[in-house]
Amino acid sequence: MPEPSAPRILAITNQKGGVGKTTTAINLGAALAELGERVLIIDLDPQGNASTGLGISARDRENTTYELLHEEAPLSAVIRRTGVERLDIAPGTTDLSSTDVELGSHENRIFLLKDALGGDALAAYGYILIDCPPSLSLLTVNALVACDAVLVPLQAEFFALEGLSQLMLTVRDVRETANPNLRIEGVVLTMFDQRNNLSQQVEEDARATLGELVLTTRIPRNVRLSEAPSYALPVLAYDPASKGSLAYRDLAEEILARHAKRKEPA
């Protein structure tokens, strides 16, 4: 029998806060699961919003990604089922905020997550999505070392591209020192309002600057996307017919199509 293929690991990151990283992790994960993929979300953000948004309350997080990075619990003991079929999560906790201090002197500090993701626990999954904190911290570097590619949510607002160059430099540095196969999966425009001239200008600037790295799918401003986390549901479960749900389905299909095209022989 052929060996099962390794899961694709995507780090969802942008050092700017409030750009839709967690919303994208939850809803892209749900959309991929809806398409038949087994998906694991790794909540690496000390805010733990991906965990809360998928129904894992703070008091129910006995083993988290904090214990995983500190080598106090294996991944199999951290993974939790969610209410969404084929979608699991390794929950995060506020304890992660001390990672830079507690693990900064660890000799293997940038490889802790990569090492923790070894073994058989990931064999069942097709996609791993890492929800990163809004900073280029040790947590984010661990995600970049452990992942195959980076997905960058970019809010359609003034100064959207400001700071993106620093993320690109960090990706380059990680590629040169610790993860030579790391690449940019794409940039996805979030909170997009097609009636707004500013959103259109941001898209034009992003495509002029980044070219084909900017994905075709745009995630709109949508009240259902904002409401869904308060019900501990992805928007695809909360309101399957909403514009937000349709957009994340499109994003999942675009990412799967890009991956399939990359696998085609030259």
Protein backbone atom coordinates (compact mmCIF):
# COMPACT_ATOMS: atom_id res chain seq x y z
CA MET A 1 0.00 0.00 0.00
CA PRO A 2 1.25 3.55 -0.74
CA GLU A 3 2.32 5.70 2.18
CA PRO A 4 -0.35 8.26 3.20
CA SER A 5 0.60 11.77 2.13
CA ALA A 6 1.68 14.21 4.82
CA PRO A 7 -0.80 16.94 5.71
CA ARG A 8 -0.31 20.43 4.30
CA ILE A 9 0.55 22.87 7.06
CA LEU A 10 -0.42 26.52 6.56
CA ALA A 11 0.51 29.29 8.98
CA ILE A 12 -2.09 32.07 8.93
CA THR A 13 -0.17 35.14 9.93
CA ASN A 14 0.15 38.90 9.75
CA GLN A 15 1.80 40.87 12.52
CA LYS A 16 -0.99 43.45 12.33
CA GLY A 17 -3.93 42.71 14.60
CA GLY A 18 -7.56 42.76 13.57
CA VAL A 19 -7.02 41.66 9.98
CA GLY A 20 -9.04 38.43 10.14
CA LYS A 21 -6.44 35.76 10.99
CA THR A 22 -8.62 33.88 13.46
CA THR A 23 -11.76 34.34 11.39
CA THR A 24 -9.87 32.89 8.44
CA ALA A 25 -8.46 29.98 10.44
CA ILE A 26 -11.90 28.98 11.73
CA ASN A 27 -13.85 29.42 8.52
CA LEU A 28 -11.24 28.19 6.06
CA GLY A 29 -10.91 25.14 8.30
CA ALA A 30 -14.67 24.63 8.28
CA ALA A 31 -14.83 25.10 4.50
CA LEU A 32 -12.04 22.58 3.88
CA ALA A 33 -13.80 20.14 6.22
CA GLU A 34 -17.04 20.66 4.31
CA LEU A 35 -15.16 19.68 1.15
CA GLY A 36 -14.12 16.42 2.77
CA GLU A 37 -10.70 17.28 4.24
CA ARG A 38 -9.78 16.36 7.81
CA VAL A 39 -8.54 19.61 9.33
CA LEU A 40 -6.69 20.50 12.52
CA ILE A 41 -6.45 24.10 13.71
CA ILE A 42 -3.49 24.84 15.99
CA ASP A 43 -4.30 27.84 18.16
CA LEU A 44 -0.96 29.54 18.76
CA ASP A 45 -2.43 32.92 19.73
CA PRO A 46 -2.40 33.73 23.48
CA GLN A 47 -5.86 35.26 23.06
CA GLY A 48 -7.19 31.79 22.27
CA ASN A 49 -10.00 33.17 20.13
CA ALA A 50 -9.97 30.29 17.65
CA SER A 51 -10.53 27.91 20.56
CA THR A 52 -13.38 30.00 21.99
CA GLY A 53 -14.87 30.45 18.53
CA LEU A 54 -15.07 26.68 18.13
CA GLY A 55 -16.66 26.04 21.51
CA ILE A 56 -13.65 25.18 23.71
CA SER A 57 -14.10 27.28 26.84
CA ALA A 58 -11.05 28.45 28.82
CA ARG A 59 -11.90 26.20 31.78
CA ASP A 60 -11.95 23.13 29.51
CA ARG A 61 -8.38 23.58 28.22
CA GLU A 62 -6.42 21.20 30.43
CA ASN A 63 -3.80 20.50 27.77
CA THR A 64 -3.08 23.24 25.26
CA THR A 65 -0.46 24.39 22.80
CA TYR A 66 1.39 25.84 25.80
CA GLU A 67 1.94 22.34 27.20
CA LEU A 68 2.74 21.15 23.68
CA LEU A 69 5.56 23.67 23.23
CA HIS A 70 6.88 23.04 26.74
CA GLU A 71 7.00 19.31 25.99
CA GLU A 72 4.59 18.61 28.84
CA ALA A 73 1.91 16.95 26.67
CA PRO A 74 1.98 15.22 23.26
CA LEU A 75 -0.15 16.52 20.41
CA SER A 76 -2.54 13.58 20.78
CA ALA A 77 -3.37 14.77 24.33
CA VAL A 78 -3.96 18.34 23.19
CA ILE A 79 -6.25 17.80 20.19
CA ARG A 80 -9.96 18.35 20.84
CA ARG A 81 -12.97 17.59 18.69
CA THR A 82 -15.19 20.51 17.71
CA GLY A 83 -18.88 20.55 16.83
CA VAL A 84 -17.92 20.61 13.14
CA GLU A 85 -17.45 17.27 11.43
CA ARG A 86 -13.83 16.61 10.36
CA LEU A 87 -12.59 19.76 12.14
CA ASP A 88 -10.44 19.46 15.30
CA ILE A 89 -8.45 21.98 17.30
CA ALA A 90 -5.37 22.13 19.50
CA PRO A 91 -6.54 24.92 21.82
CA GLY A 92 -4.50 27.89 22.96
CA THR A 93 -4.28 29.72 26.27
CA THR A 94 -3.15 33.04 27.71
CA ASP A 95 -0.12 31.19 29.12
CA LEU A 96 1.36 31.38 25.61
CA SER A 97 2.03 35.09 26.19
CA SER A 98 5.08 34.16 28.28
CA THR A 99 6.66 31.99 25.57
CA ASP A 100 9.35 34.48 24.53
CA VAL A 101 10.55 34.77 28.12
CA GLU A 102 10.21 31.13 29.16
CA LEU A 103 11.58 29.52 26.01
CA GLY A 104 13.79 32.28 24.63
CA SER A 105 16.95 30.57 25.89
CA HIS A 106 15.92 27.05 24.84
CA GLU A 107 18.57 25.75 22.43
CA ASN A 108 15.88 24.31 20.16
CA ARG A 109 13.47 27.20 20.61
CA ILE A 110 12.46 27.77 16.97
CA PHE A 111 11.93 24.05 16.29
CA LEU A 112 9.65 23.27 19.25
CA LEU A 113 6.41 23.25 17.26
CA LYS A 114 7.93 21.38 14.31
CA ASP A 115 9.19 18.68 16.66
CA ALA A 116 5.84 18.51 18.44
CA LEU A 117 4.07 17.94 15.11
CA GLY A 118 6.09 14.83 14.38
CA GLY A 119 4.77 11.34 14.95
CA ASP A 120 1.47 9.72 14.10
CA ALA A 121 -1.01 12.25 15.52
CA LEU A 122 -1.22 14.15 12.24
CA ALA A 123 -1.64 11.12 10.00
CA ALA A 124 -5.42 11.49 9.85
CA TYR A 125 -5.37 15.09 8.66
CA GLY A 126 -5.17 16.62 5.21
CA TYR A 127 -4.68 20.21 6.39
CA ILE A 128 -3.17 21.84 9.48
CA LEU A 129 -3.95 25.54 9.96
CA ILE A 130 -1.86 27.46 12.49
CA ASP A 131 -3.54 30.58 13.90
CA CYS A 132 -0.62 32.88 14.76
CA PRO A 133 -0.50 35.83 17.17
CA PRO A 134 -0.44 39.41 15.82
CA SER A 135 3.34 39.76 16.15
CA LEU A 136 6.58 38.37 14.75
CA SER A 137 7.31 36.64 18.06
CA LEU A 138 8.88 33.31 18.90
CA LEU A 139 5.42 31.74 18.49
CA THR A 140 5.14 33.03 14.93
CA VAL A 141 8.68 31.95 14.07
CA ASN A 142 7.85 28.47 15.38
CA ALA A 143 4.84 28.40 13.06
CA LEU A 144 6.96 29.50 10.08
CA VAL A 145 9.53 26.80 10.79
CA ALA A 146 6.85 24.11 11.15
CA CYS A 147 4.65 25.00 8.17
CA ASP A 148 4.81 24.40 4.43
CA ALA A 149 3.41 27.78 3.45
CA VAL A 150 2.10 31.09 4.76
CA LEU A 151 -1.38 32.48 4.17
CA VAL A 152 -1.55 36.23 4.85
CA PRO A 153 -4.91 37.89 5.56
CA LEU A 154 -4.69 41.52 4.44
CA GLN A 155 -7.37 43.94 5.56
CA ALA A 156 -8.66 46.24 2.83
CA GLU A 157 -7.85 49.47 4.65
CA PHE A 158 -5.44 52.39 4.54
CA PHE A 159 -1.84 51.33 5.29
CA ALA A 160 -2.79 47.70 4.58
CA LEU A 161 0.57 46.97 2.97
CA GLU A 162 2.54 48.74 5.70
CA GLY A 163 4.52 46.18 7.66
CA LEU A 164 3.96 43.41 5.14
CA SER A 165 7.54 43.81 3.96
CA GLN A 166 8.76 42.90 7.45
CA LEU A 167 6.74 39.68 7.35
CA MET A 168 8.20 38.88 3.93
CA LEU A 169 11.72 39.46 5.29
CA THR A 170 10.99 37.16 8.22
CA VAL A 171 9.75 34.48 5.83
CA ARG A 172 12.94 34.89 3.80
CA ASP A 173 15.12 34.61 6.91
CA VAL A 174 13.32 31.46 8.06
CA ARG A 175 13.65 29.98 4.58
CA GLU A 176 17.40 30.65 4.58
CA THR A 177 18.06 29.33 8.08
CA ALA A 178 15.49 26.76 9.18
CA ASN A 179 12.84 25.89 6.59
CA PRO A 180 14.18 25.96 3.01
CA ASN A 181 10.86 24.83 1.51
CA LEU A 182 8.80 27.61 3.10
CA ARG A 183 6.82 29.71 0.66
CA ILE A 184 3.93 32.16 0.53
CA GLU A 185 0.64 30.37 -0.18
CA GLY A 186 -1.02 33.67 -0.91
CA VAL A 187 -2.44 36.92 0.37
CA VAL A 188 -6.19 37.05 0.92
CA LEU A 189 -8.00 40.38 1.09
CA THR A 190 -10.33 40.53 4.09
CA MET A 191 -13.09 42.91 5.24
CA PHE A 192 -13.49 43.89 1.61
CA ASP A 193 -16.30 46.28 0.64
CA GLN A 194 -16.65 46.45 -3.12
CA ARG A 195 -18.77 49.63 -2.79
CA ASN A 196 -15.85 51.36 -1.09
CA ASN A 197 -13.28 53.10 -3.27
CA LEU A 198 -10.61 52.52 -0.62
CA SER A 199 -11.10 48.74 -0.74
CA GLN A 200 -10.73 48.81 -4.51
CA GLN A 201 -7.59 50.96 -4.26
CA VAL A 202 -6.06 48.59 -1.69
CA GLU A 203 -6.76 45.66 -4.02
CA GLU A 204 -5.16 47.48 -6.96
CA ASP A 205 -2.09 48.35 -4.87
CA ALA A 206 -1.79 44.82 -3.51
CA ARG A 207 -2.03 43.21 -6.95
CA ALA A 208 0.42 45.74 -8.42
CA THR A 209 2.89 45.04 -5.61
CA LEU A 210 2.42 41.31 -5.02
CA GLY A 211 1.08 40.05 -8.35
CA GLU A 212 -0.20 36.48 -8.36
CA LEU A 213 0.44 36.11 -4.64
CA VAL A 214 -2.88 37.91 -4.13
CA LEU A 215 -5.64 35.32 -4.25
CA THR A 216 -8.68 35.82 -6.42
CA THR A 217 -11.08 35.29 -3.51
CA ARG A 218 -11.93 38.33 -1.42
CA ILE A 219 -13.53 38.02 2.02
CA PRO A 220 -16.27 40.65 2.38
CA ARG A 221 -17.32 42.66 5.36
CA ASN A 222 -20.25 40.61 6.61
CA VAL A 223 -22.24 40.88 9.82
CA ARG A 224 -22.70 37.09 9.95
CA LEU A 225 -18.92 36.64 10.11
CA SER A 226 -18.87 38.92 13.14
CA GLU A 227 -21.81 37.23 14.85
CA ALA A 228 -20.82 33.59 14.39
CA PRO A 229 -18.03 33.43 17.06
CA SER A 230 -20.45 34.49 19.80
CA TYR A 231 -22.35 31.27 19.05
CA ALA A 232 -19.09 29.26 19.02
CA LEU A 233 -19.69 28.36 15.37
CA PRO A 234 -17.98 28.91 12.04
CA VAL A 235 -20.07 31.14 9.81
CA LEU A 236 -20.63 28.13 7.53
CA ALA A 237 -22.62 26.49 10.32
CA TYR A 238 -24.18 29.70 11.68
CA ASP A 239 -25.47 30.97 8.33
CA PRO A 240 -24.47 28.68 5.44
CA ALA A 241 -25.95 30.98 2.80
CA SER A 242 -24.28 34.20 3.97
CA LYS A 243 -21.78 36.09 1.85
CA GLY A 244 -19.08 35.23 4.38
CA SER A 245 -19.81 31.51 4.06
CA LEU A 246 -19.76 31.66 0.27
CA ALA A 247 -16.45 33.54 0.30
CA TYR A 248 -14.71 31.04 2.57
CA ARG A 249 -15.97 28.17 0.44
CA ASP A 250 -14.45 29.94 -2.57
CA LEU A 251 -11.20 30.43 -0.67
CA ALA A 252 -11.01 26.74 0.26
CA GLU A 253 -11.63 25.70 -3.33
CA GLU A 254 -9.01 28.16 -4.61
CA ILE A 255 -6.39 26.86 -2.18
CA LEU A 256 -7.16 23.24 -3.08
CA ALA A 257 -6.97 24.10 -6.80
CA ARG A 258 -3.63 25.86 -6.38
CA HIS A 259 -2.23 22.89 -4.51
CA ALA A 260 -3.48 20.46 -7.15
CA LYS A 261 -1.93 22.57 -9.91
CA ARG A 262 1.42 22.62 -8.07
CA LYS A 263 1.41 18.84 -7.86
CA GLU A 264 1.00 18.47 -11.62
CA PRO A 265 4.15 17.28 -13.41
CA ALA A 266 6.02 20.01 -15.24
